[in-house]
Amino acid sequence: MGIPKVLVAFNKMDYVNWNQERYEYASSLISAYLQEIGYDEDDIYQVPISGLQGQNVYTKYKADASSWYEGATLMDILENIVVTRQAVTKPLRMNISSAYYASTGKVKGHCITGKIAAGVVEKGAKYVIMPYGVEVSIKGKDTCIYEGMNIIE
């Protein structure tokens, strides 16, 4: 789905008195599942927090109960995650998530929706929908021509 990194915040740690074994148990389950579905260990961030009390959210919780956690706070992790940019210089690659025919409203005709993984859509450009080999041309910001029909009007 295009989500390169995952941040897991284990909330309500104050409820379990910042129990390290409880955190490590939940962390191991989540980590194993995320790795099973394709995430690398380096792309998974985990942090124990108490949202109600704000502990480990903005500032480090310094009580003896949480002395075992030496990692960053939730906001530190969010501020330091490097986000990869879309490859706009590469050829257009769009994963189509749905195709339908709309007969009412602003959009009429054959419509496709999806996520652009690389490249850009430009006015006047022609594209081929694969694997079917259907040629599509872009007439304007919201209009495509598909075998003589407007896809989006």
C-alpha atoms as a PDB file:
ATOM      1  CA  MET A   1       0.000   0.000   0.000  1.00  0.00           C
ATOM      2  CA  GLY A   2       2.988   2.287  -0.245  1.00  0.00           C
ATOM      3  CA  ILE A   3       3.617   2.581   3.484  1.00  0.00           C
ATOM      4  CA  PRO A   4       7.398   2.347   3.824  1.00  0.00           C
ATOM      5  CA  LYS A   5       7.721   2.670   7.604  1.00  0.00           C
ATOM      6  CA  VAL A   6       5.548   1.743  10.595  1.00  0.00           C
ATOM      7  CA  LEU A   7       5.458   3.369  14.029  1.00  0.00           C
ATOM      8  CA  VAL A   8       3.778   1.381  16.809  1.00  0.00           C
ATOM      9  CA  ALA A   9       2.943   3.260  20.016  1.00  0.00           C
ATOM     10  CA  PHE A  10       2.084   1.016  22.961  1.00  0.00           C
ATOM     11  CA  ASN A  11      -0.327   3.190  24.950  1.00  0.00           C
ATOM     12  CA  LYS A  12      -1.503   2.853  28.562  1.00  0.00           C
ATOM     13  CA  MET A  13       1.887   1.734  29.852  1.00  0.00           C
ATOM     14  CA  ASP A  14       1.043   3.553  33.100  1.00  0.00           C
ATOM     15  CA  TYR A  15      -1.848   1.101  33.521  1.00  0.00           C
ATOM     16  CA  VAL A  16       0.597  -1.824  33.703  1.00  0.00           C
ATOM     17  CA  ASN A  17       3.120   0.193  35.755  1.00  0.00           C
ATOM     18  CA  TRP A  18       5.550   0.308  32.811  1.00  0.00           C
ATOM     19  CA  ASN A  19       6.016  -3.459  32.950  1.00  0.00           C
ATOM     20  CA  GLN A  20       8.976  -4.301  30.703  1.00  0.00           C
ATOM     21  CA  GLU A  21       7.927  -7.928  30.164  1.00  0.00           C
ATOM     22  CA  ARG A  22       4.456  -6.864  29.002  1.00  0.00           C
ATOM     23  CA  TYR A  23       5.956  -4.369  26.551  1.00  0.00           C
ATOM     24  CA  GLU A  24       8.469  -6.884  25.192  1.00  0.00           C
ATOM     25  CA  TYR A  25       5.758  -9.531  24.758  1.00  0.00           C
ATOM     26  CA  ALA A  26       3.469  -7.192  22.801  1.00  0.00           C
ATOM     27  CA  SER A  27       6.433  -5.802  20.874  1.00  0.00           C
ATOM     28  CA  SER A  28       7.583  -9.264  19.805  1.00  0.00           C
ATOM     29  CA  LEU A  29       4.095 -10.179  18.541  1.00  0.00           C
ATOM     30  CA  ILE A  30       3.705  -6.960  16.536  1.00  0.00           C
ATOM     31  CA  SER A  31       7.252  -7.115  15.196  1.00  0.00           C
ATOM     32  CA  ALA A  32       6.854 -10.728  14.047  1.00  0.00           C
ATOM     33  CA  TYR A  33       3.578  -9.915  12.290  1.00  0.00           C
ATOM     34  CA  LEU A  34       4.954  -6.815  10.539  1.00  0.00           C
ATOM     35  CA  GLN A  35       8.025  -8.723   9.356  1.00  0.00           C
ATOM     36  CA  GLU A  36       5.771 -11.532   8.127  1.00  0.00           C
ATOM     37  CA  ILE A  37       3.844  -9.119   5.897  1.00  0.00           C
ATOM     38  CA  GLY A  38       7.039  -7.689   4.424  1.00  0.00           C
ATOM     39  CA  TYR A  39       8.483  -4.925   6.611  1.00  0.00           C
ATOM     40  CA  ASP A  40      12.181  -4.894   7.418  1.00  0.00           C
ATOM     41  CA  GLU A  41      13.138  -4.636  11.072  1.00  0.00           C
ATOM     42  CA  ASP A  42      14.794  -1.260  10.326  1.00  0.00           C
ATOM     43  CA  ASP A  43      11.449   0.148   9.107  1.00  0.00           C
ATOM     44  CA  ILE A  44       9.548  -0.684  12.318  1.00  0.00           C
ATOM     45  CA  TYR A  45       9.627   1.811  15.182  1.00  0.00           C
ATOM     46  CA  GLN A  46       8.135   0.936  18.572  1.00  0.00           C
ATOM     47  CA  VAL A  47       7.693   3.154  21.611  1.00  0.00           C
ATOM     48  CA  PRO A  48       5.900   2.666  24.958  1.00  0.00           C
ATOM     49  CA  ILE A  49       3.786   5.690  25.951  1.00  0.00           C
ATOM     50  CA  SER A  50       1.107   6.932  28.281  1.00  0.00           C
ATOM     51  CA  GLY A  51      -1.050   9.243  26.189  1.00  0.00           C
ATOM     52  CA  LEU A  52      -3.216  10.357  29.105  1.00  0.00           C
ATOM     53  CA  GLN A  53      -0.232  11.482  31.146  1.00  0.00           C
ATOM     54  CA  GLY A  54       1.911  12.464  28.137  1.00  0.00           C
ATOM     55  CA  GLN A  55       4.759  10.183  29.176  1.00  0.00           C
ATOM     56  CA  ASN A  56       7.193   9.370  26.356  1.00  0.00           C
ATOM     57  CA  VAL A  57       5.053  11.423  23.983  1.00  0.00           C
ATOM     58  CA  TYR A  58       6.946  14.751  24.001  1.00  0.00           C
ATOM     59  CA  THR A  59       9.320  14.266  26.902  1.00  0.00           C
ATOM     60  CA  LYS A  60      11.104  11.225  28.241  1.00  0.00           C
ATOM     61  CA  TYR A  61       9.455   9.568  31.248  1.00  0.00           C
ATOM     62  CA  LYS A  62      12.129   9.474  33.938  1.00  0.00           C
ATOM     63  CA  ALA A  63      10.542   7.351  36.661  1.00  0.00           C
ATOM     64  CA  ASP A  64      12.256   4.223  37.965  1.00  0.00           C
ATOM     65  CA  ALA A  65       9.441   2.094  36.525  1.00  0.00           C
ATOM     66  CA  SER A  66      10.459   2.996  32.956  1.00  0.00           C
ATOM     67  CA  SER A  67      14.226   3.081  33.389  1.00  0.00           C
ATOM     68  CA  TRP A  68      14.475   0.009  31.123  1.00  0.00           C
ATOM     69  CA  TYR A  69      13.353   2.022  28.051  1.00  0.00           C
ATOM     70  CA  GLU A  70      16.222   4.012  26.579  1.00  0.00           C
ATOM     71  CA  GLY A  71      14.730   4.805  23.178  1.00  0.00           C
ATOM     72  CA  ALA A  72      13.365   8.040  21.753  1.00  0.00           C
ATOM     73  CA  THR A  73       9.987   9.650  22.476  1.00  0.00           C
ATOM     74  CA  LEU A  74       7.042   9.361  20.097  1.00  0.00           C
ATOM     75  CA  MET A  75       7.518  12.892  18.742  1.00  0.00           C
ATOM     76  CA  ASP A  76      11.278  12.421  18.331  1.00  0.00           C
ATOM     77  CA  ILE A  77      10.635   9.352  16.190  1.00  0.00           C
ATOM     78  CA  LEU A  78       7.983  11.151  14.110  1.00  0.00           C
ATOM     79  CA  GLU A  79      10.219  14.164  13.545  1.00  0.00           C
ATOM     80  CA  ASN A  80      13.228  12.078  12.506  1.00  0.00           C
ATOM     81  CA  ILE A  81      11.623   9.532  10.164  1.00  0.00           C
ATOM     82  CA  VAL A  82      13.020  10.048   6.683  1.00  0.00           C
ATOM     83  CA  VAL A  83      10.190  10.037   4.151  1.00  0.00           C
ATOM     84  CA  THR A  84      11.050   8.808   0.676  1.00  0.00           C
ATOM     85  CA  ARG A  85       9.878  10.962  -2.185  1.00  0.00           C
ATOM     86  CA  GLN A  86       7.934   9.731  -5.158  1.00  0.00           C
ATOM     87  CA  ALA A  87      10.045   8.954  -8.217  1.00  0.00           C
ATOM     88  CA  VAL A  88       8.687  11.684 -10.505  1.00  0.00           C
ATOM     89  CA  THR A  89      11.509  11.359 -13.031  1.00  0.00           C
ATOM     90  CA  LYS A  90      10.682   7.724 -13.817  1.00  0.00           C
ATOM     91  CA  PRO A  91       8.028   6.524 -16.295  1.00  0.00           C
ATOM     92  CA  LEU A  92       4.420   6.566 -15.071  1.00  0.00           C
ATOM     93  CA  ARG A  93       3.482   3.543 -12.995  1.00  0.00           C
ATOM     94  CA  MET A  94       0.031   3.530 -11.436  1.00  0.00           C
ATOM     95  CA  ASN A  95      -1.490   0.703  -9.470  1.00  0.00           C
ATOM     96  CA  ILE A  96      -5.187   0.617 -10.375  1.00  0.00           C
ATOM     97  CA  SER A  97      -7.329  -0.062  -7.330  1.00  0.00           C
ATOM     98  CA  SER A  98     -10.755   0.113  -8.964  1.00  0.00           C
ATOM     99  CA  ALA A  99     -12.494   0.620 -12.277  1.00  0.00           C
ATOM    100  CA  TYR A 100     -16.153   1.536 -12.647  1.00  0.00           C
ATOM    101  CA  TYR A 101     -18.711   3.285 -14.821  1.00  0.00           C
ATOM    102  CA  ALA A 102     -20.230   6.467 -13.388  1.00  0.00           C
ATOM    103  CA  SER A 103     -23.462   7.788 -14.891  1.00  0.00           C
ATOM    104  CA  THR A 104     -24.369  10.650 -12.544  1.00  0.00           C
ATOM    105  CA  GLY A 105     -22.652  13.614 -10.913  1.00  0.00           C
ATOM    106  CA  LYS A 106     -19.537  15.478 -12.005  1.00  0.00           C
ATOM    107  CA  VAL A 107     -17.747  12.330 -13.153  1.00  0.00           C
ATOM    108  CA  LYS A 108     -19.420  10.423 -16.024  1.00  0.00           C
ATOM    109  CA  GLY A 109     -18.138   7.525 -18.065  1.00  0.00           C
ATOM    110  CA  HIS A 110     -15.465   4.912 -17.495  1.00  0.00           C
ATOM    111  CA  CYS A 111     -13.363   5.794 -14.442  1.00  0.00           C
ATOM    112  CA  ILE A 112     -10.240   4.326 -12.946  1.00  0.00           C
ATOM    113  CA  THR A 113      -8.743   5.117  -9.570  1.00  0.00           C
ATOM    114  CA  GLY A 114      -5.415   4.181  -8.096  1.00  0.00           C
ATOM    115  CA  LYS A 115      -2.135   5.308  -6.634  1.00  0.00           C
ATOM    116  CA  ILE A 116       0.660   6.739  -8.723  1.00  0.00           C
ATOM    117  CA  ALA A 117       3.822   4.900  -7.683  1.00  0.00           C
ATOM    118  CA  ALA A 118       6.190   6.669 -10.079  1.00  0.00           C
ATOM    119  CA  GLY A 119       6.088   9.374 -12.717  1.00  0.00           C
ATOM    120  CA  VAL A 120       3.527  12.088 -13.366  1.00  0.00           C
ATOM    121  CA  VAL A 121       0.369  12.494 -15.450  1.00  0.00           C
ATOM    122  CA  GLU A 122       0.739  15.265 -18.037  1.00  0.00           C
ATOM    123  CA  LYS A 123      -1.810  16.997 -20.267  1.00  0.00           C
ATOM    124  CA  GLY A 124      -1.543  15.748 -23.848  1.00  0.00           C
ATOM    125  CA  ALA A 125       0.412  12.638 -22.912  1.00  0.00           C
ATOM    126  CA  LYS A 126      -0.604   9.164 -24.040  1.00  0.00           C
ATOM    127  CA  TYR A 127      -0.417   6.131 -21.773  1.00  0.00           C
ATOM    128  CA  VAL A 128      -1.093   2.429 -22.151  1.00  0.00           C
ATOM    129  CA  ILE A 129      -3.038   0.490 -19.517  1.00  0.00           C
ATOM    130  CA  MET A 130      -1.349  -2.867 -19.148  1.00  0.00           C
ATOM    131  CA  PRO A 131      -1.773  -5.807 -19.453  1.00  0.00           C
ATOM    132  CA  TYR A 132      -4.714  -5.006 -21.764  1.00  0.00           C
ATOM    133  CA  GLY A 133      -2.846  -2.609 -24.058  1.00  0.00           C
ATOM    134  CA  VAL A 134      -5.608   0.041 -23.928  1.00  0.00           C
ATOM    135  CA  GLU A 135      -4.346   3.490 -24.968  1.00  0.00           C
ATOM    136  CA  VAL A 136      -5.436   6.477 -22.874  1.00  0.00           C
ATOM    137  CA  SER A 137      -4.711  10.130 -23.594  1.00  0.00           C
ATOM    138  CA  ILE A 138      -4.997  13.013 -21.145  1.00  0.00           C
ATOM    139  CA  LYS A 139      -6.933  16.004 -22.515  1.00  0.00           C
ATOM    140  CA  GLY A 140      -6.835  18.164 -19.416  1.00  0.00           C
ATOM    141  CA  LYS A 141      -6.633  18.222 -15.666  1.00  0.00           C
ATOM    142  CA  ASP A 142      -9.767  16.103 -15.209  1.00  0.00           C
ATOM    143  CA  THR A 143     -10.356  14.598 -18.672  1.00  0.00           C
ATOM    144  CA  CYS A 144      -9.041  11.482 -20.402  1.00  0.00           C
ATOM    145  CA  ILE A 145      -9.966  10.018 -23.774  1.00  0.00           C
ATOM    146  CA  TYR A 146     -10.383   6.241 -23.854  1.00  0.00           C
ATOM    147  CA  GLU A 147     -11.261   4.841 -27.281  1.00  0.00           C
ATOM    148  CA  GLY A 148     -13.159   8.018 -28.125  1.00  0.00           C
ATOM    149  CA  MET A 149     -15.022   8.275 -24.792  1.00  0.00           C
ATOM    150  CA  ASN A 150     -14.479  10.639 -21.896  1.00  0.00           C
ATOM    151  CA  ILE A 151     -13.275   8.751 -18.827  1.00  0.00           C
ATOM    152  CA  ILE A 152     -13.522  11.787 -16.572  1.00  0.00           C
ATOM    153  CA  GLU A 153     -15.429  14.936 -17.507  1.00  0.00           C
END
